[in-house]
Full PDB file with SEQRES, HELIX, SHEET, SSBOND, CRYST1, ORIGX, SCALE, CONECT and MASTER records, all heavy atoms in Angstrom:
SEQRES   1 A   35  GLU PHE LYS LEU PRO THR LYS TYR ASN SER LEU VAL TYR          
SEQRES   2 A   35  ARG ILE SER ASN LEU SER LEU GLY VAL TYR LEU SER HIS          
SEQRES   3 A   35  PHE LEU VAL LEU MET LEU PHE ASN TYR                          
HELIX    1 AA1 THR A    6  TYR A    8  5                                   3    
HELIX    2 AA2 ASN A    9  SER A   16  1                                   8    
HELIX    3 AA3 SER A   19  ASN A   34  1                                  16    
CRYST1    1.000    1.000    1.000  90.00  90.00  90.00 P 1           1          
ORIGX1      1.000000  0.000000  0.000000        0.00000                         
ORIGX2      0.000000  1.000000  0.000000        0.00000                         
ORIGX3      0.000000  0.000000  1.000000        0.00000                         
SCALE1      1.000000  0.000000  0.000000        0.00000                         
SCALE2      0.000000  1.000000  0.000000        0.00000                         
SCALE3      0.000000  0.000000  1.000000        0.00000                         
ATOM      1  N   GLU A   1     -72.732  26.758  33.075  1.00  0.00           N  
ATOM      2  CA  GLU A   1     -73.126  25.610  33.898  1.00  0.00           C  
ATOM      3  C   GLU A   1     -72.706  24.285  33.259  1.00  0.00           C  
ATOM      4  O   GLU A   1     -72.671  23.255  33.919  1.00  0.00           O  
ATOM      5  CB  GLU A   1     -74.647  25.605  34.100  1.00  0.00           C  
ATOM      6  CG  GLU A   1     -75.182  26.765  34.915  1.00  0.00           C  
ATOM      7  CD  GLU A   1     -74.806  26.680  36.384  1.00  0.00           C  
ATOM      8  OE1 GLU A   1     -74.581  25.558  36.873  1.00  0.00           O  
ATOM      9  OE2 GLU A   1     -74.727  27.738  37.042  1.00  0.00           O  
ATOM     10  N   PHE A   2     -72.369  24.337  31.968  1.00  0.00           N  
ATOM     11  CA  PHE A   2     -72.032  23.113  31.239  1.00  0.00           C  
ATOM     12  C   PHE A   2     -70.623  22.648  31.611  1.00  0.00           C  
ATOM     13  O   PHE A   2     -69.680  23.440  31.661  1.00  0.00           O  
ATOM     14  CB  PHE A   2     -72.108  23.378  29.730  1.00  0.00           C  
ATOM     15  CG  PHE A   2     -71.715  22.216  28.874  1.00  0.00           C  
ATOM     16  CD1 PHE A   2     -72.530  21.097  28.789  1.00  0.00           C  
ATOM     17  CD2 PHE A   2     -70.528  22.236  28.166  1.00  0.00           C  
ATOM     18  CE1 PHE A   2     -72.165  20.018  27.989  1.00  0.00           C  
ATOM     19  CE2 PHE A   2     -70.154  21.169  27.371  1.00  0.00           C  
ATOM     20  CZ  PHE A   2     -70.979  20.053  27.285  1.00  0.00           C  
ATOM     21  N   LYS A   3     -70.477  21.373  31.891  1.00  0.00           N  
ATOM     22  CA  LYS A   3     -69.182  20.805  32.266  1.00  0.00           C  
ATOM     23  C   LYS A   3     -68.569  20.075  31.069  1.00  0.00           C  
ATOM     24  O   LYS A   3     -69.045  19.013  30.658  1.00  0.00           O  
ATOM     25  CB  LYS A   3     -69.348  19.823  33.443  1.00  0.00           C  
ATOM     26  CG  LYS A   3     -69.970  20.444  34.687  1.00  0.00           C  
ATOM     27  CD  LYS A   3     -69.118  21.573  35.238  1.00  0.00           C  
ATOM     28  CE  LYS A   3     -69.750  22.157  36.510  1.00  0.00           C  
ATOM     29  NZ  LYS A   3     -68.999  23.318  37.029  1.00  0.00           N  
ATOM     30  N   LEU A   4     -67.552  20.654  30.495  1.00  0.00           N  
ATOM     31  CA  LEU A   4     -66.875  20.061  29.348  1.00  0.00           C  
ATOM     32  C   LEU A   4     -65.801  19.091  29.828  1.00  0.00           C  
ATOM     33  O   LEU A   4     -65.033  19.415  30.734  1.00  0.00           O  
ATOM     34  CB  LEU A   4     -66.225  21.162  28.494  1.00  0.00           C  
ATOM     35  CG  LEU A   4     -65.578  20.724  27.182  1.00  0.00           C  
ATOM     36  CD1 LEU A   4     -66.657  20.421  26.142  1.00  0.00           C  
ATOM     37  CD2 LEU A   4     -64.633  21.820  26.675  1.00  0.00           C  
ATOM     38  N   PRO A   5     -65.729  17.886  29.256  1.00  0.00           N  
ATOM     39  CA  PRO A   5     -64.649  16.953  29.624  1.00  0.00           C  
ATOM     40  C   PRO A   5     -63.283  17.609  29.445  1.00  0.00           C  
ATOM     41  O   PRO A   5     -63.031  18.269  28.430  1.00  0.00           O  
ATOM     42  CB  PRO A   5     -64.853  15.791  28.650  1.00  0.00           C  
ATOM     43  CG  PRO A   5     -66.303  15.838  28.293  1.00  0.00           C  
ATOM     44  CD  PRO A   5     -66.669  17.300  28.272  1.00  0.00           C  
ATOM     45  N   THR A   6     -62.408  17.442  30.417  1.00  0.00           N  
ATOM     46  CA  THR A   6     -61.107  18.134  30.403  1.00  0.00           C  
ATOM     47  C   THR A   6     -60.233  17.755  29.222  1.00  0.00           C  
ATOM     48  O   THR A   6     -59.338  18.521  28.857  1.00  0.00           O  
ATOM     49  CB  THR A   6     -60.341  17.844  31.706  1.00  0.00           C  
ATOM     50  OG1 THR A   6     -60.224  16.421  31.873  1.00  0.00           O  
ATOM     51  CG2 THR A   6     -61.069  18.435  32.907  1.00  0.00           C  
ATOM     52  N   LYS A   7     -60.496  16.614  28.599  1.00  0.00           N  
ATOM     53  CA  LYS A   7     -59.663  16.196  27.475  1.00  0.00           C  
ATOM     54  C   LYS A   7     -59.804  17.140  26.272  1.00  0.00           C  
ATOM     55  O   LYS A   7     -58.961  17.128  25.363  1.00  0.00           O  
ATOM     56  CB  LYS A   7     -59.996  14.763  27.055  1.00  0.00           C  
ATOM     57  CG  LYS A   7     -61.413  14.560  26.538  1.00  0.00           C  
ATOM     58  CD  LYS A   7     -61.652  13.096  26.165  1.00  0.00           C  
ATOM     59  CE  LYS A   7     -63.079  12.873  25.654  1.00  0.00           C  
ATOM     60  NZ  LYS A   7     -63.303  11.456  25.296  1.00  0.00           N  
ATOM     61  N   TYR A   8     -60.876  17.935  26.270  1.00  0.00           N  
ATOM     62  CA  TYR A   8     -61.091  18.875  25.165  1.00  0.00           C  
ATOM     63  C   TYR A   8     -60.547  20.271  25.463  1.00  0.00           C  
ATOM     64  O   TYR A   8     -60.612  21.157  24.611  1.00  0.00           O  
ATOM     65  CB  TYR A   8     -62.587  18.987  24.839  1.00  0.00           C  
ATOM     66  CG  TYR A   8     -63.211  17.691  24.373  1.00  0.00           C  
ATOM     67  CD1 TYR A   8     -64.174  17.049  25.144  1.00  0.00           C  
ATOM     68  CD2 TYR A   8     -62.839  17.116  23.162  1.00  0.00           C  
ATOM     69  CE1 TYR A   8     -64.754  15.865  24.726  1.00  0.00           C  
ATOM     70  CE2 TYR A   8     -63.411  15.920  22.729  1.00  0.00           C  
ATOM     71  CZ  TYR A   8     -64.358  15.302  23.516  1.00  0.00           C  
ATOM     72  OH  TYR A   8     -64.932  14.121  23.102  1.00  0.00           O  
ATOM     73  N   ASN A   9     -60.030  20.487  26.666  1.00  0.00           N  
ATOM     74  CA  ASN A   9     -59.593  21.828  27.073  1.00  0.00           C  
ATOM     75  C   ASN A   9     -58.579  22.443  26.122  1.00  0.00           C  
ATOM     76  O   ASN A   9     -58.695  23.605  25.727  1.00  0.00           O  
ATOM     77  CB  ASN A   9     -59.017  21.796  28.487  1.00  0.00           C  
ATOM     78  CG  ASN A   9     -60.105  21.697  29.546  1.00  0.00           C  
ATOM     79  OD1 ASN A   9     -61.271  21.492  29.231  1.00  0.00           O  
ATOM     80  ND2 ASN A   9     -59.725  21.841  30.799  1.00  0.00           N  
ATOM     81  N   SER A  10     -57.583  21.667  25.753  1.00  0.00           N  
ATOM     82  CA  SER A  10     -56.513  22.197  24.910  1.00  0.00           C  
ATOM     83  C   SER A  10     -57.054  22.678  23.568  1.00  0.00           C  
ATOM     84  O   SER A  10     -56.685  23.764  23.088  1.00  0.00           O  
ATOM     85  CB  SER A  10     -55.447  21.110  24.683  1.00  0.00           C  
ATOM     86  OG  SER A  10     -54.424  21.595  23.847  1.00  0.00           O  
ATOM     87  N   LEU A  11     -57.938  21.891  22.959  1.00  0.00           N  
ATOM     88  CA  LEU A  11     -58.530  22.277  21.672  1.00  0.00           C  
ATOM     89  C   LEU A  11     -59.387  23.524  21.831  1.00  0.00           C  
ATOM     90  O   LEU A  11     -59.315  24.446  20.994  1.00  0.00           O  
ATOM     91  CB  LEU A  11     -59.370  21.120  21.127  1.00  0.00           C  
ATOM     92  CG  LEU A  11     -60.141  21.397  19.829  1.00  0.00           C  
ATOM     93  CD1 LEU A  11     -59.175  21.704  18.690  1.00  0.00           C  
ATOM     94  CD2 LEU A  11     -61.044  20.213  19.472  1.00  0.00           C  
ATOM     95  N   VAL A  12     -60.169  23.569  22.895  1.00  0.00           N  
ATOM     96  CA  VAL A  12     -61.036  24.721  23.148  1.00  0.00           C  
ATOM     97  C   VAL A  12     -60.203  25.986  23.339  1.00  0.00           C  
ATOM     98  O   VAL A  12     -60.522  27.048  22.800  1.00  0.00           O  
ATOM     99  CB  VAL A  12     -61.936  24.477  24.379  1.00  0.00           C  
ATOM    100  CG1 VAL A  12     -62.636  25.769  24.815  1.00  0.00           C  
ATOM    101  CG2 VAL A  12     -62.973  23.407  24.059  1.00  0.00           C  
ATOM    102  N   TYR A  13     -59.106  25.883  24.095  1.00  0.00           N  
ATOM    103  CA  TYR A  13     -58.227  27.037  24.302  1.00  0.00           C  
ATOM    104  C   TYR A  13     -57.702  27.571  22.974  1.00  0.00           C  
ATOM    105  O   TYR A  13     -57.680  28.784  22.726  1.00  0.00           O  
ATOM    106  CB  TYR A  13     -57.038  26.667  25.194  1.00  0.00           C  
ATOM    107  CG  TYR A  13     -57.388  26.357  26.631  1.00  0.00           C  
ATOM    108  CD1 TYR A  13     -56.552  25.555  27.406  1.00  0.00           C  
ATOM    109  CD2 TYR A  13     -58.537  26.871  27.225  1.00  0.00           C  
ATOM    110  CE1 TYR A  13     -56.859  25.263  28.727  1.00  0.00           C  
ATOM    111  CE2 TYR A  13     -58.851  26.591  28.538  1.00  0.00           C  
ATOM    112  CZ  TYR A  13     -58.011  25.781  29.295  1.00  0.00           C  
ATOM    113  OH  TYR A  13     -58.315  25.491  30.597  1.00  0.00           O  
ATOM    114  N   ARG A  14     -57.264  26.646  22.114  1.00  0.00           N  
ATOM    115  CA  ARG A  14     -56.665  27.065  20.840  1.00  0.00           C  
ATOM    116  C   ARG A  14     -57.685  27.781  19.955  1.00  0.00           C  
ATOM    117  O   ARG A  14     -57.377  28.820  19.357  1.00  0.00           O  
ATOM    118  CB  ARG A  14     -56.089  25.856  20.099  1.00  0.00           C  
ATOM    119  CG  ARG A  14     -54.808  25.305  20.712  1.00  0.00           C  
ATOM    120  CD  ARG A  14     -54.020  24.487  19.688  1.00  0.00           C  
ATOM    121  NE  ARG A  14     -54.771  23.317  19.255  1.00  0.00           N  
ATOM    122  CZ  ARG A  14     -54.724  22.132  19.851  1.00  0.00           C  
ATOM    123  NH1 ARG A  14     -53.974  21.968  20.931  1.00  0.00           N  
ATOM    124  NH2 ARG A  14     -55.431  21.112  19.387  1.00  0.00           N  
ATOM    125  N   ILE A  15     -58.891  27.227  19.885  1.00  0.00           N  
ATOM    126  CA  ILE A  15     -59.916  27.858  19.045  1.00  0.00           C  
ATOM    127  C   ILE A  15     -60.386  29.175  19.671  1.00  0.00           C  
ATOM    128  O   ILE A  15     -60.596  30.169  18.969  1.00  0.00           O  
ATOM    129  CB  ILE A  15     -61.106  26.909  18.829  1.00  0.00           C  
ATOM    130  CG1 ILE A  15     -60.650  25.617  18.143  1.00  0.00           C  
ATOM    131  CG2 ILE A  15     -62.180  27.588  17.971  1.00  0.00           C  
ATOM    132  CD1 ILE A  15     -61.750  24.585  17.992  1.00  0.00           C  
ATOM    133  N   SER A  16     -60.519  29.195  20.988  1.00  0.00           N  
ATOM    134  CA  SER A  16     -60.949  30.409  21.677  1.00  0.00           C  
ATOM    135  C   SER A  16     -59.974  31.564  21.444  1.00  0.00           C  
ATOM    136  O   SER A  16     -60.387  32.717  21.309  1.00  0.00           O  
ATOM    137  CB  SER A  16     -61.080  30.135  23.176  1.00  0.00           C  
ATOM    138  OG  SER A  16     -61.373  31.317  23.890  1.00  0.00           O  
ATOM    139  N   ASN A  17     -58.695  31.258  21.385  1.00  0.00           N  
ATOM    140  CA  ASN A  17     -57.683  32.291  21.144  1.00  0.00           C  
ATOM    141  C   ASN A  17     -57.846  32.954  19.777  1.00  0.00           C  
ATOM    142  O   ASN A  17     -57.294  34.029  19.536  1.00  0.00           O  
ATOM    143  CB  ASN A  17     -56.282  31.696  21.249  1.00  0.00           C  
ATOM    144  CG  ASN A  17     -55.882  31.412  22.682  1.00  0.00           C  
ATOM    145  OD1 ASN A  17     -56.440  31.979  23.623  1.00  0.00           O  
ATOM    146  ND2 ASN A  17     -54.932  30.516  22.881  1.00  0.00           N  
ATOM    147  N   LEU A  18     -58.595  32.292  18.895  1.00  0.00           N  
ATOM    148  CA  LEU A  18     -58.804  32.827  17.549  1.00  0.00           C  
ATOM    149  C   LEU A  18     -60.060  33.687  17.460  1.00  0.00           C  
ATOM    150  O   LEU A  18     -60.308  34.323  16.441  1.00  0.00           O  
ATOM    151  CB  LEU A  18     -58.926  31.678  16.539  1.00  0.00           C  
ATOM    152  CG  LEU A  18     -57.814  30.624  16.518  1.00  0.00           C  
ATOM    153  CD1 LEU A  18     -58.168  29.514  15.522  1.00  0.00           C  
ATOM    154  CD2 LEU A  18     -56.479  31.253  16.141  1.00  0.00           C  
ATOM    155  N   SER A  19     -60.877  33.701  18.526  1.00  0.00           N  
ATOM    156  CA  SER A  19     -62.224  34.276  18.439  1.00  0.00           C  
ATOM    157  C   SER A  19     -62.227  35.765  18.079  1.00  0.00           C  
ATOM    158  O   SER A  19     -63.028  36.205  17.247  1.00  0.00           O  
ATOM    159  CB  SER A  19     -62.998  34.040  19.740  1.00  0.00           C  
ATOM    160  OG  SER A  19     -62.323  34.617  20.851  1.00  0.00           O  
ATOM    161  N   LEU A  20     -61.334  36.553  18.680  1.00  0.00           N  
ATOM    162  CA  LEU A  20     -61.282  37.974  18.335  1.00  0.00           C  
ATOM    163  C   LEU A  20     -60.880  38.149  16.878  1.00  0.00           C  
ATOM    164  O   LEU A  20     -61.473  38.944  16.147  1.00  0.00           O  
ATOM    165  CB  LEU A  20     -60.305  38.721  19.250  1.00  0.00           C  
ATOM    166  CG  LEU A  20     -60.107  40.207  18.919  1.00  0.00           C  
ATOM    167  CD1 LEU A  20     -61.428  40.971  18.996  1.00  0.00           C  
ATOM    168  CD2 LEU A  20     -59.073  40.840  19.848  1.00  0.00           C  
ATOM    169  N   GLY A  21     -59.879  37.390  16.460  1.00  0.00           N  
ATOM    170  CA  GLY A  21     -59.435  37.457  15.066  1.00  0.00           C  
ATOM    171  C   GLY A  21     -60.529  37.053  14.101  1.00  0.00           C  
ATOM    172  O   GLY A  21     -60.673  37.647  13.023  1.00  0.00           O  
ATOM    173  N   VAL A  22     -61.318  36.055  14.481  1.00  0.00           N  
ATOM    174  CA  VAL A  22     -62.445  35.633  13.640  1.00  0.00           C  
ATOM    175  C   VAL A  22     -63.459  36.761  13.517  1.00  0.00           C  
ATOM    176  O   VAL A  22     -63.963  37.057  12.425  1.00  0.00           O  
ATOM    177  CB  VAL A  22     -63.107  34.353  14.206  1.00  0.00           C  
ATOM    178  CG1 VAL A  22     -64.442  34.080  13.501  1.00  0.00           C  
ATOM    179  CG2 VAL A  22     -62.181  33.162  14.050  1.00  0.00           C  
ATOM    180  N   TYR A  23     -63.746  37.411  14.639  1.00  0.00           N  
ATOM    181  CA  TYR A  23     -64.696  38.534  14.606  1.00  0.00           C  
ATOM    182  C   TYR A  23     -64.181  39.632  13.668  1.00  0.00           C  
ATOM    183  O   TYR A  23     -64.938  40.206  12.886  1.00  0.00           O  
ATOM    184  CB  TYR A  23     -64.912  39.105  16.004  1.00  0.00           C  
ATOM    185  CG  TYR A  23     -65.981  40.165  16.043  1.00  0.00           C  
ATOM    186  CD1 TYR A  23     -67.301  39.828  16.319  1.00  0.00           C  
ATOM    187  CD2 TYR A  23     -65.689  41.506  15.769  1.00  0.00           C  
ATOM    188  CE1 TYR A  23     -68.307  40.794  16.329  1.00  0.00           C  
ATOM    189  CE2 TYR A  23     -66.681  42.469  15.767  1.00  0.00           C  
ATOM    190  CZ  TYR A  23     -67.984  42.110  16.051  1.00  0.00           C  
ATOM    191  OH  TYR A  23     -68.959  43.075  16.036  1.00  0.00           O  
ATOM    192  N   LEU A  24     -62.890  39.913  13.743  1.00  0.00           N  
ATOM    193  CA  LEU A  24     -62.313  40.984  12.939  1.00  0.00           C  
ATOM    194  C   LEU A  24     -62.271  40.636  11.452  1.00  0.00           C  
ATOM    195  O   LEU A  24     -62.518  41.487  10.603  1.00  0.00           O  
ATOM    196  CB  LEU A  24     -60.886  41.282  13.424  1.00  0.00           C  
ATOM    197  CG  LEU A  24     -60.743  41.818  14.846  1.00  0.00           C  
ATOM    198  CD1 LEU A  24     -59.284  41.791  15.276  1.00  0.00           C  
ATOM    199  CD2 LEU A  24     -61.307  43.228  14.961  1.00  0.00           C  
ATOM    200  N   SER A  25     -61.963  39.376  11.129  1.00  0.00           N  
ATOM    201  CA  SER A  25     -61.657  39.001   9.747  1.00  0.00           C  
ATOM    202  C   SER A  25     -62.802  38.378   8.968  1.00  0.00           C  
ATOM    203  O   SER A  25     -62.773  38.367   7.734  1.00  0.00           O  
ATOM    204  CB  SER A  25     -60.473  38.031   9.738  1.00  0.00           C  
ATOM    205  OG  SER A  25     -60.815  36.815  10.389  1.00  0.00           O  
ATOM    206  N   HIS A  26     -63.815  37.831   9.646  1.00  0.00           N  
ATOM    207  CA  HIS A  26     -64.825  37.051   8.921  1.00  0.00           C  
ATOM    208  C   HIS A  26     -65.592  37.880   7.898  1.00  0.00           C  
ATOM    209  O   HIS A  26     -66.001  37.373   6.849  1.00  0.00           O  
ATOM    210  CB  HIS A  26     -65.810  36.398   9.907  1.00  0.00           C  
ATOM    211  CG  HIS A  26     -66.851  37.335  10.431  1.00  0.00           C  
ATOM    212  ND1 HIS A  26     -66.625  38.211  11.472  1.00  0.00           N  
ATOM    213  CD2 HIS A  26     -68.142  37.549  10.046  1.00  0.00           C  
ATOM    214  CE1 HIS A  26     -67.717  38.912  11.703  1.00  0.00           C  
ATOM    215  NE2 HIS A  26     -68.658  38.530  10.863  1.00  0.00           N  
ATOM    216  N   PHE A  27     -65.768  39.165   8.190  1.00  0.00           N  
ATOM    217  CA  PHE A  27     -66.503  40.025   7.256  1.00  0.00           C  
ATOM    218  C   PHE A  27     -65.723  40.189   5.955  1.00  0.00           C  
ATOM    219  O   PHE A  27     -66.305  40.276   4.869  1.00  0.00           O  
ATOM    220  CB  PHE A  27     -66.758  41.385   7.908  1.00  0.00           C  
ATOM    221  CG  PHE A  27     -68.101  41.967   7.570  1.00  0.00           C  
ATOM    222  CD1 PHE A  27     -69.240  41.542   8.230  1.00  0.00           C  
ATOM    223  CD2 PHE A  27     -68.230  42.942   6.600  1.00  0.00           C  
ATOM    224  CE1 PHE A  27     -70.485  42.074   7.930  1.00  0.00           C  
ATOM    225  CE2 PHE A  27     -69.468  43.483   6.295  1.00  0.00           C  
ATOM    226  CZ  PHE A  27     -70.596  43.050   6.952  1.00  0.00           C  
ATOM    227  N   LEU A  28     -64.408  40.212   6.068  1.00  0.00           N  
ATOM    228  CA  LEU A  28     -63.556  40.305   4.879  1.00  0.00           C  
ATOM    229  C   LEU A  28     -63.678  39.027   4.044  1.00  0.00           C  
ATOM    230  O   LEU A  28     -63.724  39.088   2.807  1.00  0.00           O  
ATOM    231  CB  LEU A  28     -62.104  40.541   5.290  1.00  0.00           C  
ATOM    232  CG  LEU A  28     -61.115  40.912   4.179  1.00  0.00           C  
ATOM    233  CD1 LEU A  28     -61.544  42.199   3.483  1.00  0.00           C  
ATOM    234  CD2 LEU A  28     -59.718  41.075   4.756  1.00  0.00           C  
ATOM    235  N   VAL A  29     -63.735  37.876   4.725  1.00  0.00           N  
ATOM    236  CA  VAL A  29     -63.927  36.605   4.017  1.00  0.00           C  
ATOM    237  C   VAL A  29     -65.266  36.611   3.281  1.00  0.00           C  
ATOM    238  O   VAL A  29     -65.355  36.201   2.120  1.00  0.00           O  
ATOM    239  CB  VAL A  29     -63.865  35.410   5.010  1.00  0.00           C  
ATOM    240  CG1 VAL A  29     -64.191  34.098   4.293  1.00  0.00           C  
ATOM    241  CG2 VAL A  29     -62.482  35.332   5.652  1.00  0.00           C  
ATOM    242  N   LEU A  30     -66.323  37.094   3.949  1.00  0.00           N  
ATOM    243  CA  LEU A  30     -67.639  37.196   3.314  1.00  0.00           C  
ATOM    244  C   LEU A  30     -67.600  38.127   2.100  1.00  0.00           C  
ATOM    245  O   LEU A  30     -68.201  37.826   1.058  1.00  0.00           O  
ATOM    246  CB  LEU A  30     -68.668  37.724   4.318  1.00  0.00           C  
ATOM    247  CG  LEU A  30     -69.181  36.740   5.376  1.00  0.00           C  
ATOM    248  CD1 LEU A  30     -70.016  37.469   6.428  1.00  0.00           C  
ATOM    249  CD2 LEU A  30     -70.018  35.642   4.730  1.00  0.00           C  
ATOM    250  N   MET A  31     -66.891  39.231   2.223  1.00  0.00           N  
ATOM    251  CA  MET A  31     -66.791  40.187   1.123  1.00  0.00           C  
ATOM    252  C   MET A  31     -66.055  39.590  -0.068  1.00  0.00           C  
ATOM    253  O   MET A  31     -66.428  39.823  -1.228  1.00  0.00           O  
ATOM    254  CB  MET A  31     -66.106  41.468   1.607  1.00  0.00           C  
ATOM    255  CG  MET A  31     -66.937  42.283   2.585  1.00  0.00           C  
ATOM    256  SD  MET A  31     -65.990  43.537   3.509  1.00  0.00           S  
ATOM    257  CE  MET A  31     -65.611  44.699   2.220  1.00  0.00           C  
ATOM    258  N   LEU A  32     -65.038  38.797   0.213  1.00  0.00           N  
ATOM    259  CA  LEU A  32     -64.280  38.152  -0.866  1.00  0.00           C  
ATOM    260  C   LEU A  32     -65.140  37.112  -1.578  1.00  0.00           C  
ATOM    261  O   LEU A  32     -65.136  37.026  -2.813  1.00  0.00           O  
ATOM    262  CB  LEU A  32     -63.011  37.507  -0.297  1.00  0.00           C  
ATOM    263  CG  LEU A  32     -61.899  38.472   0.115  1.00  0.00           C  
ATOM    264  CD1 LEU A  32     -60.826  37.752   0.923  1.00  0.00           C  
ATOM    265  CD2 LEU A  32     -61.276  39.123  -1.127  1.00  0.00           C  
ATOM    266  N   PHE A  33     -65.886  36.326  -0.814  1.00  0.00           N  
ATOM    267  CA  PHE A  33     -66.806  35.360  -1.423  1.00  0.00           C  
ATOM    268  C   PHE A  33     -67.833  36.092  -2.286  1.00  0.00           C  
ATOM    269  O   PHE A  33     -68.137  35.670  -3.408  1.00  0.00           O  
ATOM    270  CB  PHE A  33     -67.530  34.551  -0.337  1.00  0.00           C  
ATOM    271  CG  PHE A  33     -66.811  33.306   0.084  1.00  0.00           C  
ATOM    272  CD1 PHE A  33     -66.554  33.050   1.416  1.00  0.00           C  
ATOM    273  CD2 PHE A  33     -66.396  32.373  -0.852  1.00  0.00           C  
ATOM    274  CE1 PHE A  33     -65.902  31.896   1.821  1.00  0.00           C  
ATOM    275  CE2 PHE A  33     -65.739  31.209  -0.476  1.00  0.00           C  
ATOM    276  CZ  PHE A  33     -65.487  30.968   0.873  1.00  0.00           C  
ATOM    277  N   ASN A  34     -68.370  37.168  -1.741  1.00  0.00           N  
ATOM    278  CA  ASN A  34     -69.386  37.938  -2.451  1.00  0.00           C  
ATOM    279  C   ASN A  34     -68.828  38.523  -3.752  1.00  0.00           C  
ATOM    280  O   ASN A  34     -69.527  38.606  -4.763  1.00  0.00           O  
ATOM    281  CB  ASN A  34     -69.918  39.051  -1.553  1.00  0.00           C  
ATOM    282  CG  ASN A  34     -71.202  39.662  -2.085  1.00  0.00           C  
ATOM    283  OD1 ASN A  34     -72.176  38.963  -2.327  1.00  0.00           O  
ATOM    284  ND2 ASN A  34     -71.197  40.964  -2.292  1.00  0.00           N  
ATOM    285  N   TYR A  35     -67.571  38.915  -3.729  1.00  0.00           N  
ATOM    286  CA  TYR A  35     -66.919  39.468  -4.922  1.00  0.00           C  
ATOM    287  C   TYR A  35     -66.910  38.454  -6.060  1.00  0.00           C  
ATOM    288  O   TYR A  35     -67.043  38.808  -7.240  1.00  0.00           O  
ATOM    289  CB  TYR A  35     -65.493  39.901  -4.576  1.00  0.00           C  
ATOM    290  CG  TYR A  35     -64.722  40.462  -5.745  1.00  0.00           C  
ATOM    291  CD1 TYR A  35     -64.958  41.763  -6.206  1.00  0.00           C  
ATOM    292  CD2 TYR A  35     -63.765  39.689  -6.410  1.00  0.00           C  
ATOM    293  CE1 TYR A  35     -64.253  42.283  -7.280  1.00  0.00           C  
ATOM    294  CE2 TYR A  35     -63.054  40.203  -7.496  1.00  0.00           C  
ATOM    295  CZ  TYR A  35     -63.311  41.503  -7.918  1.00  0.00           C  
ATOM    296  OH  TYR A  35     -62.623  42.007  -8.993  1.00  0.00           O  
TER     297      TYR A  35                                                      
MASTER        0    0    0    3    0    0    0    6  296    1    0    3          
END                                                                             
């Protein structure tokens, strides 16, 4: 229901395209920090 100003669309698209990769990789980043 939230209406985002269109000027942010391009940035949102770029970050959204990374979302699956973030889900896949973030645990590895956490493991490296923990190491």
